[in-house]
Amino acid sequence: MPGRPAATANSDVVLVGLVGAPFGVRGWAHVASYTNPPENLLGYAPWQLRRNATDEAVWERIEVEAQRHGGGVIARFAGVRDREAAVELRGCGIGVAASVLPAPGQGEYYWRDLIGAEVANKAGIRLGQVQRLFATPAHDVLVVADDDGERLIPFVREWVVAVMPESGRVVVDWEADWR
């Protein structure tokens, strides 16, 4: 794409959405927003795009037109003026600098603050480290990994007893042999 800015590695970029299916024939695409509510994404700028999903640290700043549409968000990226070009962006990550996100309130945190946190049960037995989180229709899920593999722990009050991002710890009501 002509005029594309150079890609840069930046660990301070937060993934806030993904480019989805094309919308119409003029280069617009649906956006899967990771913000709650989805239209909060419209308040963050500038957007950055990660074209190569295998290298999570390479982002490029990109100009974008974005707007609410129905219950979601659509966007048209610089240089993308037809449906075929929009198809090529499908699956690309959308990020913003961590510095543009509002500071979490008391007792709040971002998922990114939990990545790498040590997870132990109420008995103090180490269960592993948080590798990632993902959302399901029912609730969010912690993916906790140790040398024996991964365990999926529902991120709900019944199972998650304490979250302490400042000390990098999560305490869960989960038995060591539950996988």
Protein backbone atom coordinates (compact mmCIF):
# COMPACT_ATOMS: atom_id res chain seq x y z
CA MET A 1 0.00 0.00 0.00
CA PRO A 2 1.56 3.33 -1.00
CA GLY A 3 2.49 5.73 1.75
CA ARG A 4 2.41 3.12 4.50
CA PRO A 5 4.41 4.19 7.53
CA ALA A 6 7.25 1.96 8.64
CA ALA A 7 6.25 -0.81 11.01
CA THR A 8 7.72 -0.60 14.47
CA ALA A 9 8.04 -2.96 17.40
CA ASN A 10 6.26 -1.55 20.42
CA SER A 11 5.38 -3.50 23.54
CA ASP A 12 3.31 -0.57 24.80
CA VAL A 13 0.61 -1.11 22.19
CA VAL A 14 -2.58 -2.71 23.51
CA LEU A 15 -4.69 -4.90 21.24
CA VAL A 16 -8.19 -3.37 21.29
CA GLY A 17 -9.84 -5.08 18.33
CA LEU A 18 -9.60 -6.95 15.05
CA VAL A 19 -10.50 -6.03 11.50
CA GLY A 20 -13.45 -8.16 10.41
CA ALA A 21 -15.36 -8.81 7.21
CA PRO A 22 -15.76 -6.13 4.57
CA PHE A 23 -18.76 -3.82 4.81
CA GLY A 24 -20.00 -2.68 1.43
CA VAL A 25 -17.88 -2.01 -1.64
CA ARG A 26 -16.05 1.20 -0.69
CA GLY A 27 -13.33 -0.18 1.57
CA TRP A 28 -15.16 -0.24 4.89
CA ALA A 29 -14.81 -3.23 7.23
CA HIS A 30 -16.50 -4.43 10.37
CA VAL A 31 -14.38 -4.15 13.51
CA ALA A 32 -14.51 -6.61 16.39
CA SER A 33 -13.95 -4.24 19.30
CA TYR A 34 -12.46 -5.56 22.55
CA THR A 35 -13.66 -2.50 24.44
CA ASN A 36 -16.76 -2.46 26.58
CA PRO A 37 -19.00 -1.06 25.22
CA PRO A 38 -17.67 -1.65 21.67
CA GLU A 39 -18.02 2.00 20.60
CA ASN A 40 -15.47 3.07 23.24
CA LEU A 41 -12.92 2.12 20.61
CA LEU A 42 -13.91 5.26 18.70
CA GLY A 43 -12.51 7.42 21.51
CA TYR A 44 -8.95 6.10 21.20
CA ALA A 45 -6.42 7.51 18.75
CA PRO A 46 -4.23 7.01 16.92
CA TRP A 47 -4.98 3.47 15.82
CA GLN A 48 -2.19 1.10 14.92
CA LEU A 49 -2.47 -1.98 12.73
CA ARG A 50 -0.73 -5.34 13.12
CA ARG A 51 -0.76 -6.98 9.72
CA ASN A 52 1.24 -10.10 10.55
CA ALA A 53 -0.49 -12.05 13.32
CA THR A 54 2.60 -14.21 13.89
CA ASP A 55 4.62 -11.24 15.12
CA GLU A 56 2.60 -9.57 17.85
CA ALA A 57 5.10 -6.77 18.45
CA VAL A 58 5.08 -5.17 14.95
CA TRP A 59 2.56 -2.35 14.68
CA GLU A 60 2.15 0.49 12.20
CA ARG A 61 0.31 3.71 12.82
CA ILE A 62 -2.53 4.15 10.34
CA GLU A 63 -5.11 6.82 9.58
CA VAL A 64 -8.66 5.58 9.88
CA GLU A 65 -12.26 6.71 9.55
CA ALA A 66 -14.43 4.84 12.04
CA GLN A 67 -18.03 5.08 13.15
CA ARG A 68 -20.78 3.28 15.00
CA HIS A 69 -22.91 0.99 12.94
CA GLY A 70 -25.78 -0.92 14.52
CA GLY A 71 -24.41 -2.39 17.73
CA GLY A 72 -20.80 -2.32 16.53
CA VAL A 73 -18.11 -0.37 14.72
CA ILE A 74 -17.06 -0.10 11.08
CA ALA A 75 -13.85 1.47 9.79
CA ARG A 76 -12.07 2.43 6.59
CA PHE A 77 -8.29 2.49 6.72
CA ALA A 78 -5.98 4.83 4.79
CA GLY A 79 -5.45 3.64 1.23
CA VAL A 80 -8.30 1.12 1.37
CA ARG A 81 -11.00 2.22 -1.07
CA ASP A 82 -12.61 -1.02 -2.30
CA ARG A 83 -13.94 -4.31 -1.01
CA GLU A 84 -10.93 -6.34 -2.20
CA ALA A 85 -8.49 -4.16 -0.25
CA ALA A 86 -10.71 -4.43 2.84
CA VAL A 87 -10.67 -8.24 2.53
CA GLU A 88 -6.86 -8.17 2.74
CA LEU A 89 -7.04 -6.53 6.18
CA ARG A 90 -9.41 -9.12 7.68
CA GLY A 91 -7.91 -10.53 10.87
CA CYS A 92 -5.39 -7.71 11.37
CA GLY A 93 -5.04 -6.51 14.94
CA ILE A 94 -6.04 -2.99 15.93
CA GLY A 95 -4.03 -1.45 18.74
CA VAL A 96 -3.58 1.80 20.59
CA ALA A 97 -0.80 3.07 22.81
CA ALA A 98 -1.32 2.03 26.41
CA SER A 99 -0.90 5.67 27.39
CA VAL A 100 -4.21 6.67 25.72
CA LEU A 101 -6.26 4.22 27.80
CA PRO A 102 -7.83 5.57 30.99
CA ALA A 103 -6.17 4.53 34.23
CA PRO A 104 -8.08 1.72 35.91
CA GLY A 105 -10.11 2.71 38.96
CA GLN A 106 -9.79 1.27 42.45
CA GLY A 107 -10.11 -2.52 42.25
CA GLU A 108 -10.03 -2.45 38.43
CA TYR A 109 -7.37 -3.67 36.02
CA TYR A 110 -6.80 -4.45 32.39
CA TRP A 111 -6.41 -8.02 31.19
CA ARG A 112 -2.92 -7.12 29.99
CA ASP A 113 -2.00 -6.40 33.62
CA LEU A 114 -2.71 -10.03 34.49
CA ILE A 115 -0.56 -11.66 31.78
CA GLY A 116 2.38 -13.34 33.50
CA ALA A 117 0.80 -13.17 36.97
CA GLU A 118 1.46 -16.13 39.26
CA VAL A 119 -1.66 -18.13 40.07
CA ALA A 120 -1.98 -20.03 43.34
CA ASN A 121 -4.92 -21.68 45.04
CA LYS A 122 -6.21 -20.80 48.51
CA ALA A 123 -3.88 -23.42 50.01
CA GLY A 124 -0.90 -21.58 48.50
CA ILE A 125 -0.13 -24.22 45.87
CA ARG A 126 1.28 -22.67 42.70
CA LEU A 127 -0.86 -23.52 39.66
CA GLY A 128 1.12 -21.63 37.03
CA GLN A 129 1.15 -18.30 35.24
CA VAL A 130 -1.58 -16.47 33.38
CA GLN A 131 -0.81 -16.89 29.67
CA ARG A 132 -3.86 -15.11 28.32
CA LEU A 133 -7.56 -14.48 28.90
CA PHE A 134 -10.47 -14.88 26.56
CA ALA A 135 -14.16 -14.09 26.61
CA THR A 136 -17.00 -16.56 26.20
CA PRO A 137 -20.70 -15.75 26.12
CA ALA A 138 -20.98 -16.97 29.72
CA HIS A 139 -17.84 -15.44 31.31
CA ASP A 140 -14.17 -14.65 30.82
CA VAL A 141 -11.59 -17.43 31.20
CA LEU A 142 -8.03 -17.42 32.59
CA VAL A 143 -5.57 -19.63 30.72
CA VAL A 144 -3.04 -20.72 33.33
CA ALA A 145 0.04 -22.68 32.22
CA ASP A 146 2.67 -24.67 34.07
CA ASP A 147 5.12 -27.43 33.08
CA ASP A 148 2.26 -29.95 32.83
CA GLY A 149 0.16 -27.89 30.40
CA GLU A 150 -2.73 -25.49 30.59
CA ARG A 151 -5.77 -25.22 32.78
CA LEU A 152 -8.79 -23.07 32.02
CA ILE A 153 -10.24 -21.30 35.05
CA PRO A 154 -13.52 -19.39 34.80
CA PHE A 155 -12.86 -15.76 35.68
CA VAL A 156 -15.84 -15.43 38.02
CA ARG A 157 -16.06 -14.60 41.74
CA GLU A 158 -16.90 -18.19 42.61
CA TRP A 159 -13.43 -19.31 41.49
CA VAL A 160 -11.25 -16.17 41.51
CA VAL A 161 -10.72 -15.12 45.11
CA ALA A 162 -8.23 -12.25 44.74
CA VAL A 163 -6.60 -10.36 41.90
CA MET A 164 -3.50 -8.36 42.78
CA PRO A 165 -1.98 -7.00 39.56
CA GLU A 166 0.39 -4.71 41.47
CA SER A 167 2.11 -7.78 42.99
CA GLY A 168 1.57 -10.04 39.99
CA ARG A 169 -0.62 -12.58 41.82
CA VAL A 170 -4.02 -14.18 41.41
CA VAL A 171 -5.57 -16.44 44.06
CA VAL A 172 -8.19 -18.96 42.99
CA ASP A 173 -10.47 -21.49 44.67
CA TRP A 174 -9.19 -24.31 42.44
CA GLU A 175 -7.69 -27.66 43.30
CA ALA A 176 -4.16 -28.46 42.10
CA ASP A 177 -5.31 -31.63 40.31
CA TRP A 178 -8.14 -29.94 38.35
CA ARG A 179 -7.20 -29.59 34.70
